[in-house]
Amino acid sequence: MTRILIPSDFTVDSLYFVRQSIESSSAEEVDVILAYGNKSSTSASELIAIGVEDQLDELQSDAFLKACERICQRFKNRKLTIYADIIRTDNASYLQHYLRGAGVNEIKIPANYSYQNKTRDFFDVGKALRKLKNHVLHPISVM
């Protein structure tokens, strides 16, 4: 099984790159983690009240979720799973621990994609991961 991390802004346009990444993989089982960068709040009440699931519900449109389902249907013979996550900081140490804990085998970053900033604390996960390129054990592809 291959677990691929792909930075995302949870727009339908971003899924074109996801489809390309799946097509270029030769693995029979593929897990795709779509990661949005949103720095953690320093407000205690905000940290307690708003969970990851709440944030994902706000960030992902119905059109985006339906497009993800269509991609999964298209590659159903490959045992494809797509799920979303929020990365809370661009700190190098955190990112390395995140990648290790999530069991990421590959990182694929679109070369020419402008992410939509959907939150005030947004950061470009792809840019943060490129800085790690020489320090990460996982292959990073910029396509």
C-alpha atoms as a PDB file:
ATOM      1  CA  MET A   1       0.000   0.000   0.000  1.00  0.00           C
ATOM      2  CA  THR A   2       1.120   3.540  -0.770  1.00  0.00           C
ATOM      3  CA  ARG A   3       0.064   6.527   1.338  1.00  0.00           C
ATOM      4  CA  ILE A   4       0.447   9.803  -0.547  1.00  0.00           C
ATOM      5  CA  LEU A   5       0.230  13.249   1.051  1.00  0.00           C
ATOM      6  CA  ILE A   6      -0.930  16.004  -1.290  1.00  0.00           C
ATOM      7  CA  PRO A   7      -1.357  19.634  -0.213  1.00  0.00           C
ATOM      8  CA  SER A   8      -4.876  20.827  -0.994  1.00  0.00           C
ATOM      9  CA  ASP A   9      -7.200  23.783  -0.671  1.00  0.00           C
ATOM     10  CA  PHE A  10     -10.250  21.493  -0.912  1.00  0.00           C
ATOM     11  CA  THR A  11     -11.397  22.910  -4.233  1.00  0.00           C
ATOM     12  CA  VAL A  12     -12.593  20.846  -7.178  1.00  0.00           C
ATOM     13  CA  ASP A  13      -9.740  22.316  -9.281  1.00  0.00           C
ATOM     14  CA  SER A  14      -7.161  20.840  -6.883  1.00  0.00           C
ATOM     15  CA  LEU A  15      -8.481  17.341  -7.572  1.00  0.00           C
ATOM     16  CA  TYR A  16      -7.068  17.318 -11.103  1.00  0.00           C
ATOM     17  CA  PHE A  17      -3.608  16.959  -9.563  1.00  0.00           C
ATOM     18  CA  VAL A  18      -4.912  14.245  -7.206  1.00  0.00           C
ATOM     19  CA  ARG A  19      -6.181  12.266 -10.186  1.00  0.00           C
ATOM     20  CA  GLN A  20      -2.809  12.658 -11.954  1.00  0.00           C
ATOM     21  CA  SER A  21      -0.993  11.457  -8.827  1.00  0.00           C
ATOM     22  CA  ILE A  22      -3.163   8.359  -8.557  1.00  0.00           C
ATOM     23  CA  GLU A  23      -2.709   7.586 -12.245  1.00  0.00           C
ATOM     24  CA  SER A  24       1.073   7.857 -11.935  1.00  0.00           C
ATOM     25  CA  SER A  25       1.199   5.473  -8.967  1.00  0.00           C
ATOM     26  CA  SER A  26       1.641   1.778  -9.668  1.00  0.00           C
ATOM     27  CA  ALA A  27       0.389   0.693  -6.230  1.00  0.00           C
ATOM     28  CA  GLU A  28      -2.711  -1.480  -6.042  1.00  0.00           C
ATOM     29  CA  GLU A  29      -3.781   0.137  -2.753  1.00  0.00           C
ATOM     30  CA  VAL A  30      -3.544   3.903  -2.488  1.00  0.00           C
ATOM     31  CA  ASP A  31      -4.421   6.151   0.446  1.00  0.00           C
ATOM     32  CA  VAL A  32      -4.423   9.843  -0.376  1.00  0.00           C
ATOM     33  CA  ILE A  33      -4.233  12.413   2.403  1.00  0.00           C
ATOM     34  CA  LEU A  34      -5.333  15.861   1.264  1.00  0.00           C
ATOM     35  CA  ALA A  35      -3.721  18.311   3.677  1.00  0.00           C
ATOM     36  CA  TYR A  36      -4.791  21.909   4.234  1.00  0.00           C
ATOM     37  CA  GLY A  37      -2.500  24.245   6.162  1.00  0.00           C
ATOM     38  CA  ASN A  38      -4.224  26.195   8.918  1.00  0.00           C
ATOM     39  CA  LYS A  39      -2.143  27.447  11.826  1.00  0.00           C
ATOM     40  CA  SER A  40      -3.547  26.729  15.261  1.00  0.00           C
ATOM     41  CA  SER A  41      -5.287  29.473  17.114  1.00  0.00           C
ATOM     42  CA  THR A  42      -3.811  30.733  20.353  1.00  0.00           C
ATOM     43  CA  SER A  43      -7.296  31.277  21.786  1.00  0.00           C
ATOM     44  CA  ALA A  44      -8.122  28.560  24.333  1.00  0.00           C
ATOM     45  CA  SER A  45     -11.860  28.844  23.724  1.00  0.00           C
ATOM     46  CA  GLU A  46     -11.373  28.507  19.968  1.00  0.00           C
ATOM     47  CA  LEU A  47      -9.104  25.462  20.395  1.00  0.00           C
ATOM     48  CA  ILE A  48     -11.661  23.747  22.638  1.00  0.00           C
ATOM     49  CA  ALA A  49     -14.791  24.655  20.680  1.00  0.00           C
ATOM     50  CA  ILE A  50     -13.700  24.062  17.093  1.00  0.00           C
ATOM     51  CA  GLY A  51     -12.442  20.588  16.214  1.00  0.00           C
ATOM     52  CA  VAL A  52     -10.833  19.292  13.037  1.00  0.00           C
ATOM     53  CA  GLU A  53     -14.114  17.796  11.826  1.00  0.00           C
ATOM     54  CA  ASP A  54     -15.861  21.160  12.236  1.00  0.00           C
ATOM     55  CA  GLN A  55     -13.144  22.900  10.251  1.00  0.00           C
ATOM     56  CA  LEU A  56     -13.222  20.262   7.510  1.00  0.00           C
ATOM     57  CA  ASP A  57     -17.008  20.633   7.237  1.00  0.00           C
ATOM     58  CA  GLU A  58     -16.547  24.364   6.630  1.00  0.00           C
ATOM     59  CA  LEU A  59     -13.655  23.979   4.185  1.00  0.00           C
ATOM     60  CA  GLN A  60     -15.042  21.197   1.974  1.00  0.00           C
ATOM     61  CA  SER A  61     -17.947  21.989  -0.333  1.00  0.00           C
ATOM     62  CA  ASP A  62     -20.507  19.436  -1.461  1.00  0.00           C
ATOM     63  CA  ALA A  63     -19.097  19.698  -4.984  1.00  0.00           C
ATOM     64  CA  PHE A  64     -15.612  18.883  -3.678  1.00  0.00           C
ATOM     65  CA  LEU A  65     -16.848  15.856  -1.704  1.00  0.00           C
ATOM     66  CA  LYS A  66     -18.819  14.555  -4.704  1.00  0.00           C
ATOM     67  CA  ALA A  67     -15.764  14.966  -6.940  1.00  0.00           C
ATOM     68  CA  CYS A  68     -13.709  12.937  -4.428  1.00  0.00           C
ATOM     69  CA  GLU A  69     -16.365  10.205  -4.552  1.00  0.00           C
ATOM     70  CA  ARG A  70     -16.214  10.172  -8.364  1.00  0.00           C
ATOM     71  CA  ILE A  71     -12.435   9.769  -8.269  1.00  0.00           C
ATOM     72  CA  CYS A  72     -12.785   6.868  -5.823  1.00  0.00           C
ATOM     73  CA  GLN A  73     -15.352   5.252  -8.130  1.00  0.00           C
ATOM     74  CA  ARG A  74     -13.086   5.730 -11.140  1.00  0.00           C
ATOM     75  CA  PHE A  75     -10.240   3.906  -9.366  1.00  0.00           C
ATOM     76  CA  LYS A  76     -12.312   1.409  -7.352  1.00  0.00           C
ATOM     77  CA  ASN A  77     -10.201  -1.489  -8.658  1.00  0.00           C
ATOM     78  CA  ARG A  78      -7.184   0.137  -6.949  1.00  0.00           C
ATOM     79  CA  LYS A  79      -8.610   0.143  -3.388  1.00  0.00           C
ATOM     80  CA  LEU A  80      -8.401   3.927  -3.247  1.00  0.00           C
ATOM     81  CA  THR A  81      -9.121   5.939  -0.120  1.00  0.00           C
ATOM     82  CA  ILE A  82      -9.122   9.742  -0.042  1.00  0.00           C
ATOM     83  CA  TYR A  83      -9.345  11.621   3.201  1.00  0.00           C
ATOM     84  CA  ALA A  84      -8.728  15.147   4.381  1.00  0.00           C
ATOM     85  CA  ASP A  85      -6.695  16.534   7.238  1.00  0.00           C
ATOM     86  CA  ILE A  86      -5.543  19.858   8.571  1.00  0.00           C
ATOM     87  CA  ILE A  87      -1.895  20.470   9.309  1.00  0.00           C
ATOM     88  CA  ARG A  88      -1.609  22.973  12.145  1.00  0.00           C
ATOM     89  CA  THR A  89       1.862  24.429  11.684  1.00  0.00           C
ATOM     90  CA  ASP A  90       4.683  24.735   9.201  1.00  0.00           C
ATOM     91  CA  ASN A  91       7.221  23.845  11.923  1.00  0.00           C
ATOM     92  CA  ALA A  92       9.732  21.374  10.431  1.00  0.00           C
ATOM     93  CA  SER A  93       9.815  19.108  13.482  1.00  0.00           C
ATOM     94  CA  TYR A  94       6.011  18.912  13.607  1.00  0.00           C
ATOM     95  CA  LEU A  95       5.834  18.119   9.887  1.00  0.00           C
ATOM     96  CA  GLN A  96       8.368  15.306  10.216  1.00  0.00           C
ATOM     97  CA  HIS A  97       6.432  13.799  13.138  1.00  0.00           C
ATOM     98  CA  TYR A  98       3.159  14.199  11.245  1.00  0.00           C
ATOM     99  CA  LEU A  99       4.537  12.374   8.195  1.00  0.00           C
ATOM    100  CA  ARG A 100       5.935   9.563  10.323  1.00  0.00           C
ATOM    101  CA  GLY A 101       2.751   9.214  12.398  1.00  0.00           C
ATOM    102  CA  ALA A 102       0.505   9.215   9.334  1.00  0.00           C
ATOM    103  CA  GLY A 103       2.641   6.571   7.621  1.00  0.00           C
ATOM    104  CA  VAL A 104       3.194   8.716   4.528  1.00  0.00           C
ATOM    105  CA  ASN A 105       5.242   6.978   1.811  1.00  0.00           C
ATOM    106  CA  GLU A 106       5.196   9.746  -0.800  1.00  0.00           C
ATOM    107  CA  ILE A 107       4.608  13.473  -0.926  1.00  0.00           C
ATOM    108  CA  LYS A 108       3.358  15.001  -4.167  1.00  0.00           C
ATOM    109  CA  ILE A 109       3.286  18.763  -4.564  1.00  0.00           C
ATOM    110  CA  PRO A 110       1.815  20.551  -7.570  1.00  0.00           C
ATOM    111  CA  ALA A 111       4.445  22.792  -9.171  1.00  0.00           C
ATOM    112  CA  ASN A 112       2.174  25.476 -10.577  1.00  0.00           C
ATOM    113  CA  TYR A 113      -0.936  25.614  -8.434  1.00  0.00           C
ATOM    114  CA  SER A 114      -2.142  28.672  -6.538  1.00  0.00           C
ATOM    115  CA  TYR A 115      -3.976  27.571  -3.417  1.00  0.00           C
ATOM    116  CA  GLN A 116      -7.139  29.381  -2.383  1.00  0.00           C
ATOM    117  CA  ASN A 117      -6.747  30.961   1.014  1.00  0.00           C
ATOM    118  CA  LYS A 118      -9.992  29.910   2.735  1.00  0.00           C
ATOM    119  CA  THR A 119      -9.077  30.872   6.299  1.00  0.00           C
ATOM    120  CA  ARG A 120      -7.210  33.744   7.923  1.00  0.00           C
ATOM    121  CA  ASP A 121      -4.572  31.348   9.325  1.00  0.00           C
ATOM    122  CA  PHE A 122      -3.920  29.527   6.025  1.00  0.00           C
ATOM    123  CA  PHE A 123      -0.384  28.552   5.046  1.00  0.00           C
ATOM    124  CA  ASP A 124       0.943  26.736   1.981  1.00  0.00           C
ATOM    125  CA  VAL A 125       1.663  23.147   3.051  1.00  0.00           C
ATOM    126  CA  GLY A 126       3.515  22.490  -0.208  1.00  0.00           C
ATOM    127  CA  LYS A 127       5.914  25.348   0.449  1.00  0.00           C
ATOM    128  CA  ALA A 128       6.546  24.119   4.017  1.00  0.00           C
ATOM    129  CA  LEU A 129       7.220  20.581   2.764  1.00  0.00           C
ATOM    130  CA  ARG A 130       9.596  21.787   0.035  1.00  0.00           C
ATOM    131  CA  LYS A 131      11.740  23.362   2.750  1.00  0.00           C
ATOM    132  CA  LEU A 132      12.020  19.912   4.337  1.00  0.00           C
ATOM    133  CA  LYS A 133      12.985  18.171   1.111  1.00  0.00           C
ATOM    134  CA  ASN A 134      16.514  17.299   2.217  1.00  0.00           C
ATOM    135  CA  HIS A 135      15.445  16.286   5.721  1.00  0.00           C
ATOM    136  CA  VAL A 136      12.472  14.019   4.997  1.00  0.00           C
ATOM    137  CA  LEU A 137      12.803  10.290   4.473  1.00  0.00           C
ATOM    138  CA  HIS A 138       9.818  10.223   2.122  1.00  0.00           C
ATOM    139  CA  PRO A 139      10.226  10.975  -1.572  1.00  0.00           C
ATOM    140  CA  ILE A 140       8.880  14.413  -2.476  1.00  0.00           C
ATOM    141  CA  SER A 141       7.729  14.874  -6.053  1.00  0.00           C
ATOM    142  CA  VAL A 142       6.992  18.308  -7.420  1.00  0.00           C
ATOM    143  CA  MET A 143       4.867  17.799 -10.503  1.00  0.00           C
END
